[in-house]
Amino acid sequence: MKKVKVRTIARLKEILGQDEVELPVPQDATVGTLMTLMTERWGEDLSVQSFEAHGSGPLPHVRILVNGQDIAFLEGIGTRLADGDEVLMLPLVGGG
């Protein structure tokens, strides 16, 4: 097993209970694998706020970055994760 660090803000931070968590993931883990593991751990509250149905990717208002790079410009949810990677989940926030 390897570990990745997940950081987030706003409503997602409330669901996770903190702004940063370290999670063990399998050796062949992808962002999709991480999404599944997070949904199993934090349940439907996280899922409906973050991910499309059936694990097809993040909702349009959520950006996922791996080591500072948006997965939209990598391999999407197929982006492979390495030990020590930092995954940032950013829900778009508005207001004024």
C-alpha atoms as a PDB file:
ATOM      1  CA  MET A   1       0.000   0.000   0.000  1.00  0.00           C
ATOM      2  CA  LYS A   2       0.999   3.554  -0.624  1.00  0.00           C
ATOM      3  CA  LYS A   3      -0.375   6.765   0.859  1.00  0.00           C
ATOM      4  CA  VAL A   4      -1.710   9.911  -0.736  1.00  0.00           C
ATOM      5  CA  LYS A   5      -2.657  13.181   0.911  1.00  0.00           C
ATOM      6  CA  VAL A   6      -6.073  14.651   0.088  1.00  0.00           C
ATOM      7  CA  ARG A   7      -6.731  18.326   0.755  1.00  0.00           C
ATOM      8  CA  THR A   8      -9.967  20.260   0.302  1.00  0.00           C
ATOM      9  CA  ILE A   9     -12.009  23.302   1.355  1.00  0.00           C
ATOM     10  CA  ALA A  10     -15.582  24.485   1.978  1.00  0.00           C
ATOM     11  CA  ARG A  11     -18.382  21.882   2.080  1.00  0.00           C
ATOM     12  CA  LEU A  12     -16.021  19.010   1.235  1.00  0.00           C
ATOM     13  CA  LYS A  13     -13.863  19.950   4.223  1.00  0.00           C
ATOM     14  CA  GLU A  14     -16.961  19.753   6.438  1.00  0.00           C
ATOM     15  CA  ILE A  15     -17.757  16.264   5.136  1.00  0.00           C
ATOM     16  CA  LEU A  16     -14.202  14.988   5.678  1.00  0.00           C
ATOM     17  CA  GLY A  17     -14.075  16.630   9.102  1.00  0.00           C
ATOM     18  CA  GLN A  18     -10.759  18.313   8.320  1.00  0.00           C
ATOM     19  CA  ASP A  19      -9.033  20.041   5.434  1.00  0.00           C
ATOM     20  CA  GLU A  20      -6.366  17.358   4.961  1.00  0.00           C
ATOM     21  CA  VAL A  21      -6.380  13.559   5.254  1.00  0.00           C
ATOM     22  CA  GLU A  22      -3.835  10.905   4.398  1.00  0.00           C
ATOM     23  CA  LEU A  23      -5.279   7.760   2.852  1.00  0.00           C
ATOM     24  CA  PRO A  24      -3.767   4.375   2.021  1.00  0.00           C
ATOM     25  CA  VAL A  25      -4.389   3.315  -1.582  1.00  0.00           C
ATOM     26  CA  PRO A  26      -3.464   0.154  -3.521  1.00  0.00           C
ATOM     27  CA  GLN A  27      -0.260   0.073  -5.570  1.00  0.00           C
ATOM     28  CA  ASP A  28      -2.139   0.426  -8.873  1.00  0.00           C
ATOM     29  CA  ALA A  29      -4.440   3.223  -7.615  1.00  0.00           C
ATOM     30  CA  THR A  30      -5.863   5.876  -9.896  1.00  0.00           C
ATOM     31  CA  VAL A  31      -7.914   8.963  -9.115  1.00  0.00           C
ATOM     32  CA  GLY A  32     -10.963   6.790  -9.821  1.00  0.00           C
ATOM     33  CA  THR A  33      -9.797   4.282  -7.204  1.00  0.00           C
ATOM     34  CA  LEU A  34      -9.362   7.123  -4.726  1.00  0.00           C
ATOM     35  CA  MET A  35     -12.874   8.406  -5.484  1.00  0.00           C
ATOM     36  CA  THR A  36     -14.285   4.943  -4.751  1.00  0.00           C
ATOM     37  CA  LEU A  37     -12.325   4.605  -1.504  1.00  0.00           C
ATOM     38  CA  MET A  38     -13.419   8.056  -0.354  1.00  0.00           C
ATOM     39  CA  THR A  39     -17.077   7.311  -1.136  1.00  0.00           C
ATOM     40  CA  GLU A  40     -16.838   4.063   0.832  1.00  0.00           C
ATOM     41  CA  ARG A  41     -15.383   5.934   3.809  1.00  0.00           C
ATOM     42  CA  TRP A  42     -17.466   9.141   3.823  1.00  0.00           C
ATOM     43  CA  GLY A  43     -20.570   7.860   2.079  1.00  0.00           C
ATOM     44  CA  GLU A  44     -23.251   9.508   0.047  1.00  0.00           C
ATOM     45  CA  ASP A  45     -22.706  12.973   1.555  1.00  0.00           C
ATOM     46  CA  LEU A  46     -19.322  13.134  -0.146  1.00  0.00           C
ATOM     47  CA  SER A  47     -20.464  11.367  -3.281  1.00  0.00           C
ATOM     48  CA  VAL A  48     -23.400  13.675  -4.102  1.00  0.00           C
ATOM     49  CA  GLN A  49     -21.270  16.775  -3.447  1.00  0.00           C
ATOM     50  CA  SER A  50     -18.265  15.635  -5.492  1.00  0.00           C
ATOM     51  CA  PHE A  51     -18.679  12.831  -7.994  1.00  0.00           C
ATOM     52  CA  GLU A  52     -20.815  11.973 -11.017  1.00  0.00           C
ATOM     53  CA  ALA A  53     -23.016   8.903 -10.684  1.00  0.00           C
ATOM     54  CA  HIS A  54     -21.321   5.550 -11.237  1.00  0.00           C
ATOM     55  CA  GLY A  55     -17.828   6.949 -10.622  1.00  0.00           C
ATOM     56  CA  SER A  56     -17.518   8.534 -14.055  1.00  0.00           C
ATOM     57  CA  GLY A  57     -15.639  11.557 -12.718  1.00  0.00           C
ATOM     58  CA  PRO A  58     -15.933  14.670 -10.583  1.00  0.00           C
ATOM     59  CA  LEU A  59     -18.989  16.903 -10.842  1.00  0.00           C
ATOM     60  CA  PRO A  60     -18.525  19.910 -13.153  1.00  0.00           C
ATOM     61  CA  HIS A  61     -18.130  22.289 -10.190  1.00  0.00           C
ATOM     62  CA  VAL A  62     -15.320  20.231  -8.584  1.00  0.00           C
ATOM     63  CA  ARG A  63     -11.720  20.379  -9.779  1.00  0.00           C
ATOM     64  CA  ILE A  64      -9.302  17.608  -8.843  1.00  0.00           C
ATOM     65  CA  LEU A  65      -5.589  18.296  -9.036  1.00  0.00           C
ATOM     66  CA  VAL A  66      -2.754  15.825  -8.545  1.00  0.00           C
ATOM     67  CA  ASN A  67       0.452  17.522  -7.469  1.00  0.00           C
ATOM     68  CA  GLY A  68      -0.883  20.829  -8.778  1.00  0.00           C
ATOM     69  CA  GLN A  69      -2.039  19.553 -12.184  1.00  0.00           C
ATOM     70  CA  ASP A  70      -5.736  19.379 -13.075  1.00  0.00           C
ATOM     71  CA  ILE A  71      -6.682  15.787 -13.960  1.00  0.00           C
ATOM     72  CA  ALA A  72      -8.610  17.197 -16.943  1.00  0.00           C
ATOM     73  CA  PHE A  73      -5.194  17.795 -18.527  1.00  0.00           C
ATOM     74  CA  LEU A  74      -3.770  14.442 -17.404  1.00  0.00           C
ATOM     75  CA  GLU A  75      -5.627  11.145 -17.780  1.00  0.00           C
ATOM     76  CA  GLY A  76      -8.829  12.137 -15.993  1.00  0.00           C
ATOM     77  CA  ILE A  77      -9.924   9.635 -13.365  1.00  0.00           C
ATOM     78  CA  GLY A  78      -7.443   7.184 -14.893  1.00  0.00           C
ATOM     79  CA  THR A  79      -4.548   9.345 -13.651  1.00  0.00           C
ATOM     80  CA  ARG A  80      -2.234   7.040 -11.689  1.00  0.00           C
ATOM     81  CA  LEU A  81      -1.296   7.948  -8.141  1.00  0.00           C
ATOM     82  CA  ALA A  82       2.173   7.509  -6.656  1.00  0.00           C
ATOM     83  CA  ASP A  83       3.182   7.226  -3.018  1.00  0.00           C
ATOM     84  CA  GLY A  84       3.198  10.672  -1.430  1.00  0.00           C
ATOM     85  CA  ASP A  85       1.081  12.369  -4.111  1.00  0.00           C
ATOM     86  CA  GLU A  86      -1.033  15.316  -3.042  1.00  0.00           C
ATOM     87  CA  VAL A  87      -4.601  15.382  -4.350  1.00  0.00           C
ATOM     88  CA  LEU A  88      -6.468  18.665  -4.088  1.00  0.00           C
ATOM     89  CA  MET A  89     -10.262  18.647  -4.432  1.00  0.00           C
ATOM     90  CA  LEU A  90     -11.567  22.153  -5.064  1.00  0.00           C
ATOM     91  CA  PRO A  91     -15.296  22.826  -5.223  1.00  0.00           C
ATOM     92  CA  LEU A  92     -15.932  26.082  -7.074  1.00  0.00           C
ATOM     93  CA  VAL A  93     -17.071  28.668  -4.572  1.00  0.00           C
ATOM     94  CA  GLY A  94     -18.943  31.853  -5.323  1.00  0.00           C
ATOM     95  CA  GLY A  95     -20.147  34.774  -3.334  1.00  0.00           C
ATOM     96  CA  GLY A  96     -19.194  38.230  -2.493  1.00  0.00           C
END
